[in-house]
């Protein structure tokens, strides 16, 4: 019996049916890392945007 997976996880076997499972695991790890970095970039840009708005309010 396999462990239940996160219901929000994308099943890469649907997108890449001929890819061996070990390669799909590597791809899943890569995509998880990529998404984590993308989220960090987004959060930093959002923080900078909010700081910019706060500064413009203080000078007005």
Protein backbone atom coordinates (compact mmCIF):
# COMPACT_ATOMS: atom_id res chain seq x y z
CA UNK A 1 0.00 0.00 0.00
CA UNK A 2 1.36 3.43 -0.92
CA UNK A 3 1.09 6.54 1.23
CA UNK A 4 -1.75 8.90 0.29
CA UNK A 5 -0.63 11.90 -1.71
CA UNK A 6 -1.51 15.52 -1.25
CA UNK A 7 -4.77 16.12 -3.16
CA UNK A 8 -3.35 19.40 -4.48
CA UNK A 9 -0.32 17.68 -5.98
CA UNK A 10 -0.27 17.44 -9.75
CA UNK A 11 -0.06 13.91 -11.12
CA UNK A 12 2.85 14.17 -13.53
CA UNK A 13 2.04 10.77 -15.00
CA UNK A 14 -0.92 12.42 -16.73
CA UNK A 15 1.33 14.98 -18.42
CA UNK A 16 4.25 12.60 -18.99
CA UNK A 17 2.88 9.06 -19.23
CA UNK A 18 5.99 7.56 -20.83
CA UNK A 19 8.42 9.09 -18.32
CA UNK A 20 9.78 6.55 -15.81
CA UNK A 21 8.63 7.05 -12.22
CA UNK A 22 12.12 7.91 -10.93
CA UNK A 23 12.40 10.70 -13.52
CA UNK A 24 8.95 11.97 -12.58
CA UNK A 25 10.10 12.11 -8.94
CA UNK A 26 13.13 14.17 -9.98
CA UNK A 27 10.91 16.44 -12.07
CA UNK A 28 8.49 16.82 -9.16
CA UNK A 29 11.37 17.83 -6.86
CA UNK A 30 12.65 20.31 -9.46
CA UNK A 31 9.19 21.83 -9.97
CA UNK A 32 8.62 22.07 -6.21
CA UNK A 33 11.92 23.96 -5.85
CA UNK A 34 11.12 26.19 -8.81
CA UNK A 35 7.69 27.06 -7.40
CA UNK A 36 9.20 27.78 -4.00
CA UNK A 37 11.68 30.23 -5.54
CA UNK A 38 8.97 31.83 -7.68
CA UNK A 39 6.81 32.32 -4.57
CA UNK A 40 9.72 33.92 -2.71
CA UNK A 41 10.32 36.32 -5.62
CA UNK A 42 6.62 37.21 -5.73
CA UNK A 43 6.48 37.79 -1.98
CA UNK A 44 9.57 40.02 -2.09
CA UNK A 45 8.19 42.08 -4.97
CA UNK A 46 4.88 42.43 -3.14
CA UNK A 47 6.67 43.62 0.02
CA UNK A 48 8.66 46.15 -2.02
CA UNK A 49 5.48 47.38 -3.70
CA UNK A 50 3.76 47.84 -0.35
CA UNK A 51 6.78 49.70 1.05
CA UNK A 52 6.76 51.96 -2.00
CA UNK A 53 3.06 52.74 -1.46
CA UNK A 54 3.69 53.47 2.24
CA UNK A 55 6.56 55.83 1.39
CA UNK A 56 4.47 57.72 -1.14
CA UNK A 57 1.71 58.15 1.46
CA UNK A 58 4.18 59.49 4.01
CA UNK A 59 5.55 62.11 1.60
CA UNK A 60 2.09 63.27 0.48
